Protein backbone atom coordinates (compact mmCIF):
# COMPACT_ATOMS: atom_id res chain seq x y z
CA MET A 1 -7.01 -17.22 3.62
CA SER A 2 -4.33 -16.18 1.25
CA CYS A 3 -2.10 -13.28 1.20
CA PRO A 4 -2.49 -11.00 -1.74
CA THR A 5 0.32 -11.17 -4.52
CA VAL A 6 0.99 -8.38 -6.95
CA LYS A 7 2.60 -8.94 -10.68
CA TYR A 8 4.75 -5.96 -10.38
CA CYS A 9 6.66 -3.60 -7.62
CA LEU A 10 4.95 -0.10 -7.77
CA CYS A 11 2.75 -1.12 -10.64
CA PHE A 12 5.97 -1.39 -13.42
CA ILE A 13 8.94 -2.97 -11.88
CA ASN A 14 9.50 -6.73 -12.62
CA LEU A 15 9.36 -8.73 -9.42
CA LYS A 16 12.82 -10.13 -9.96
CA LEU A 17 14.18 -6.89 -10.49
CA ALA A 18 12.61 -5.39 -7.53
CA GLY A 19 13.78 -8.33 -5.38
CA ILE A 20 17.06 -7.88 -6.51
CA LEU A 21 16.89 -3.99 -5.78
CA LEU A 22 15.47 -4.68 -2.40
CA GLY A 23 18.43 -6.93 -1.41
CA VAL A 24 21.08 -4.83 -2.62
CA ILE A 25 19.55 -1.84 -1.10
CA ASP A 26 19.03 -3.40 2.14
CA ILE A 27 22.80 -4.64 2.19
CA LEU A 28 24.07 -1.34 1.42
CA TRP A 29 21.86 0.51 3.78
CA ARG A 30 22.84 -1.69 6.72
CA SER A 31 26.39 -1.57 5.77
CA ALA A 32 26.33 2.20 5.76
CA HIS A 33 24.71 2.17 8.99
CA ILE A 34 27.21 0.12 10.77
CA TYR A 35 29.81 2.19 9.29
CA LEU A 36 28.29 5.48 10.50
CA ILE A 37 27.61 3.91 13.83
CA LEU A 38 31.26 2.76 14.24
CA LYS A 39 32.70 5.88 12.78
CA SER A 40 30.68 8.12 15.50
CA ASN A 41 32.24 6.15 18.18
CA GLY A 42 29.61 7.43 20.60
CA ASN A 43 30.31 11.17 19.67
CA ILE A 44 26.73 11.68 18.56
CA SER A 45 24.79 14.09 20.82
CA VAL A 46 21.13 12.80 20.83
CA ASP A 47 20.22 14.23 24.03
CA SER A 48 18.18 16.77 22.58
CA ILE A 49 16.54 14.63 19.53
CA PHE A 50 15.63 11.39 21.55
CA GLY A 51 16.29 12.14 25.21
CA PHE A 52 18.70 9.22 25.37
CA TYR A 53 21.83 9.48 27.86
CA LYS A 54 25.07 8.36 26.01
CA ASN A 55 25.07 5.05 27.93
CA GLU A 56 21.70 4.34 26.50
CA TYR A 57 22.67 5.36 22.94
CA ALA A 58 25.77 3.00 23.08
CA SER A 59 23.51 0.00 24.16
CA ILE A 60 21.16 0.85 21.29
CA SER A 61 23.78 1.32 18.79
CA GLY A 62 25.31 -2.34 20.11
CA TYR A 63 21.68 -3.73 19.66
CA THR A 64 21.57 -2.09 16.08
CA ILE A 65 24.87 -3.43 14.90
CA VAL A 66 24.14 -7.03 16.01
CA ALA A 67 20.70 -6.83 14.34
CA HIS A 68 22.31 -5.45 10.84
CA CYS A 69 25.09 -8.09 11.30
CA ILE A 70 22.13 -10.87 11.55
CA CYS A 71 20.37 -9.28 8.58
CA ILE A 72 23.08 -8.72 6.13
CA PRO A 73 23.78 -12.55 5.66
CA ILE A 74 19.88 -12.84 5.46
CA SER A 75 19.93 -10.33 2.57
CA VAL A 76 22.67 -12.20 0.89
CA LEU A 77 20.57 -15.27 1.18
CA TRP A 78 17.67 -13.48 -0.20
CA LEU A 79 19.82 -12.80 -3.29
CA ILE A 80 21.18 -16.20 -3.56
CA GLY A 81 17.92 -17.55 -3.49
CA ILE A 82 16.69 -14.95 -6.23
CA PHE A 83 19.84 -15.88 -8.70
CA THR A 84 19.87 -19.72 -8.04
CA GLN A 85 15.84 -20.02 -8.09
CA ILE A 86 15.82 -21.69 -4.64
CA PRO A 87 12.75 -20.27 -2.89
CA ALA A 88 13.77 -22.00 0.37
CA LEU A 89 16.53 -19.64 0.88
CA MET A 90 14.19 -16.55 0.60
CA VAL A 91 12.36 -17.60 3.68
CA PRO A 92 14.33 -16.01 6.38
CA SER A 93 14.18 -12.51 4.63
CA LEU A 94 10.25 -12.84 4.45
CA VAL A 95 10.15 -13.53 8.19
CA VAL A 96 12.67 -10.65 8.95
CA SER A 97 10.59 -8.37 6.77
CA PHE A 98 7.34 -9.31 8.20
CA ILE A 99 8.61 -8.72 11.86
CA SER A 100 10.02 -5.42 10.89
CA PHE A 101 6.71 -4.30 9.16
CA PHE A 102 4.82 -5.40 12.36
CA LEU A 103 7.35 -3.51 14.70
CA LEU A 104 6.84 -0.35 12.55
CA ALA A 105 3.23 -0.92 12.61
CA PHE A 106 3.45 -1.17 16.62
CA LEU A 107 5.79 1.98 17.01
CA SER A 108 3.54 3.99 14.78
CA SER A 109 0.24 3.29 16.96
CA LEU A 110 2.50 4.22 19.97
CA PHE A 111 2.87 7.35 18.40
CA TRP A 112 -0.76 7.60 17.60
CA PHE A 113 -1.48 7.38 21.41
CA THR A 114 1.22 10.05 22.47
CA ALA A 115 0.39 12.33 19.61
CA PHE A 116 -2.52 14.07 21.65
CA GLU A 117 -0.06 16.35 23.89
CA ASP A 118 1.45 18.10 21.11
CA ARG A 119 -0.85 17.54 18.17
CA ARG A 120 0.60 19.25 15.05
CA ARG A 121 4.17 17.87 15.23
CA LEU A 122 3.33 14.35 16.22
CA MET A 123 0.39 14.02 13.92
CA VAL A 124 2.47 14.58 11.03
CA ILE A 125 5.39 12.05 12.24
CA VAL A 126 2.29 9.73 12.74
CA PHE A 127 1.14 10.16 9.29
CA ILE A 128 4.59 9.56 7.96
CA CYS A 129 5.06 6.48 10.08
CA PHE A 130 1.54 5.11 8.58
CA CYS A 131 2.78 6.05 5.23
CA ILE A 132 6.15 4.28 5.57
CA ALA A 133 4.42 1.30 7.02
CA ALA A 134 1.96 1.09 4.15
CA PHE A 135 4.86 1.45 1.76
CA CYS A 136 6.82 -1.53 3.88
CA PHE A 137 3.62 -3.67 3.54
CA HIS A 138 3.56 -3.37 -0.05
CA LEU A 139 7.41 -4.19 -0.55
CA TRP A 140 6.73 -7.19 1.82
CA ILE A 141 3.93 -8.20 -0.87
CA VAL A 142 6.49 -7.79 -3.45
CA GLN A 143 8.82 -10.20 -1.64
CA LEU A 144 6.00 -12.66 -0.87
CA SER A 145 4.87 -12.81 -4.59
CA LEU A 146 8.27 -13.27 -5.58
CA TYR A 147 8.72 -16.02 -3.37
CA LYS A 148 5.60 -17.65 -4.56
CA SER A 149 6.36 -17.32 -8.45
CA LEU A 150 9.82 -18.80 -7.65
CA LYS A 151 8.23 -21.66 -5.67
CA SER A 152 5.36 -22.38 -8.35
CA ALA A 153 8.16 -22.53 -11.11
CA ASP A 154 10.25 -24.76 -8.89
CA ILE A 155 7.36 -27.19 -8.42
CA ASP A 156 6.64 -26.80 -12.29
CA ARG A 157 10.31 -27.90 -12.80
CA ILE A 158 9.76 -30.83 -10.38
CA ASP A 159 6.59 -31.91 -12.05
CA GLN A 160 8.44 -31.75 -15.63
CA ARG A 161 11.39 -33.82 -14.28
CA ASN A 162 9.18 -36.40 -12.89
CA ARG A 163 7.17 -36.68 -16.08
CA TYR A 164 10.35 -37.09 -17.98
CA GLU A 165 11.59 -39.78 -15.63
CA LEU A 166 8.27 -41.70 -15.86
CA ARG A 167 8.75 -41.45 -19.88
CA VAL A 168 11.97 -42.75 -19.34
CA LEU A 169 10.79 -45.60 -17.25
CA ASP A 170 7.88 -46.51 -19.36
CA GLY A 171 10.30 -46.87 -22.37
CA ILE A 172 12.43 -49.56 -20.56
């Protein structure tokens, strides 16, 4: 069974432009997030929001920084793959996006099961998380569609080169 593909992002944005925007926004967002974590230097009080203690927040911040430092070069590879039309460079970003989507869907389902205690507030959060997950799935389909279109264009270029070489060899 093949995954669905789309011709446009959000029904009107060209796939290549959408892919470039996704890569640039991802790099900017991750860089800004790293900057904010390093600037806060552990001074953020998240006890009332998430119930974490400062040590737990520091370890989560460390994991977040490491994840962003891994994902920024992957996003750069994504952009290089688009500009050079080498689809193999885009595969790591597809994998990271797919894992991120499933992680978001998993966390949304966890919220769903805990939403029965305080129904009103958490049901709104669950609804928002599912909407974000659906949007992230659409963006992943856009990435996959761009990858498939560049891959088919790459295969067409290879076929044209092979036909040209056969014509040259037939002429000898």
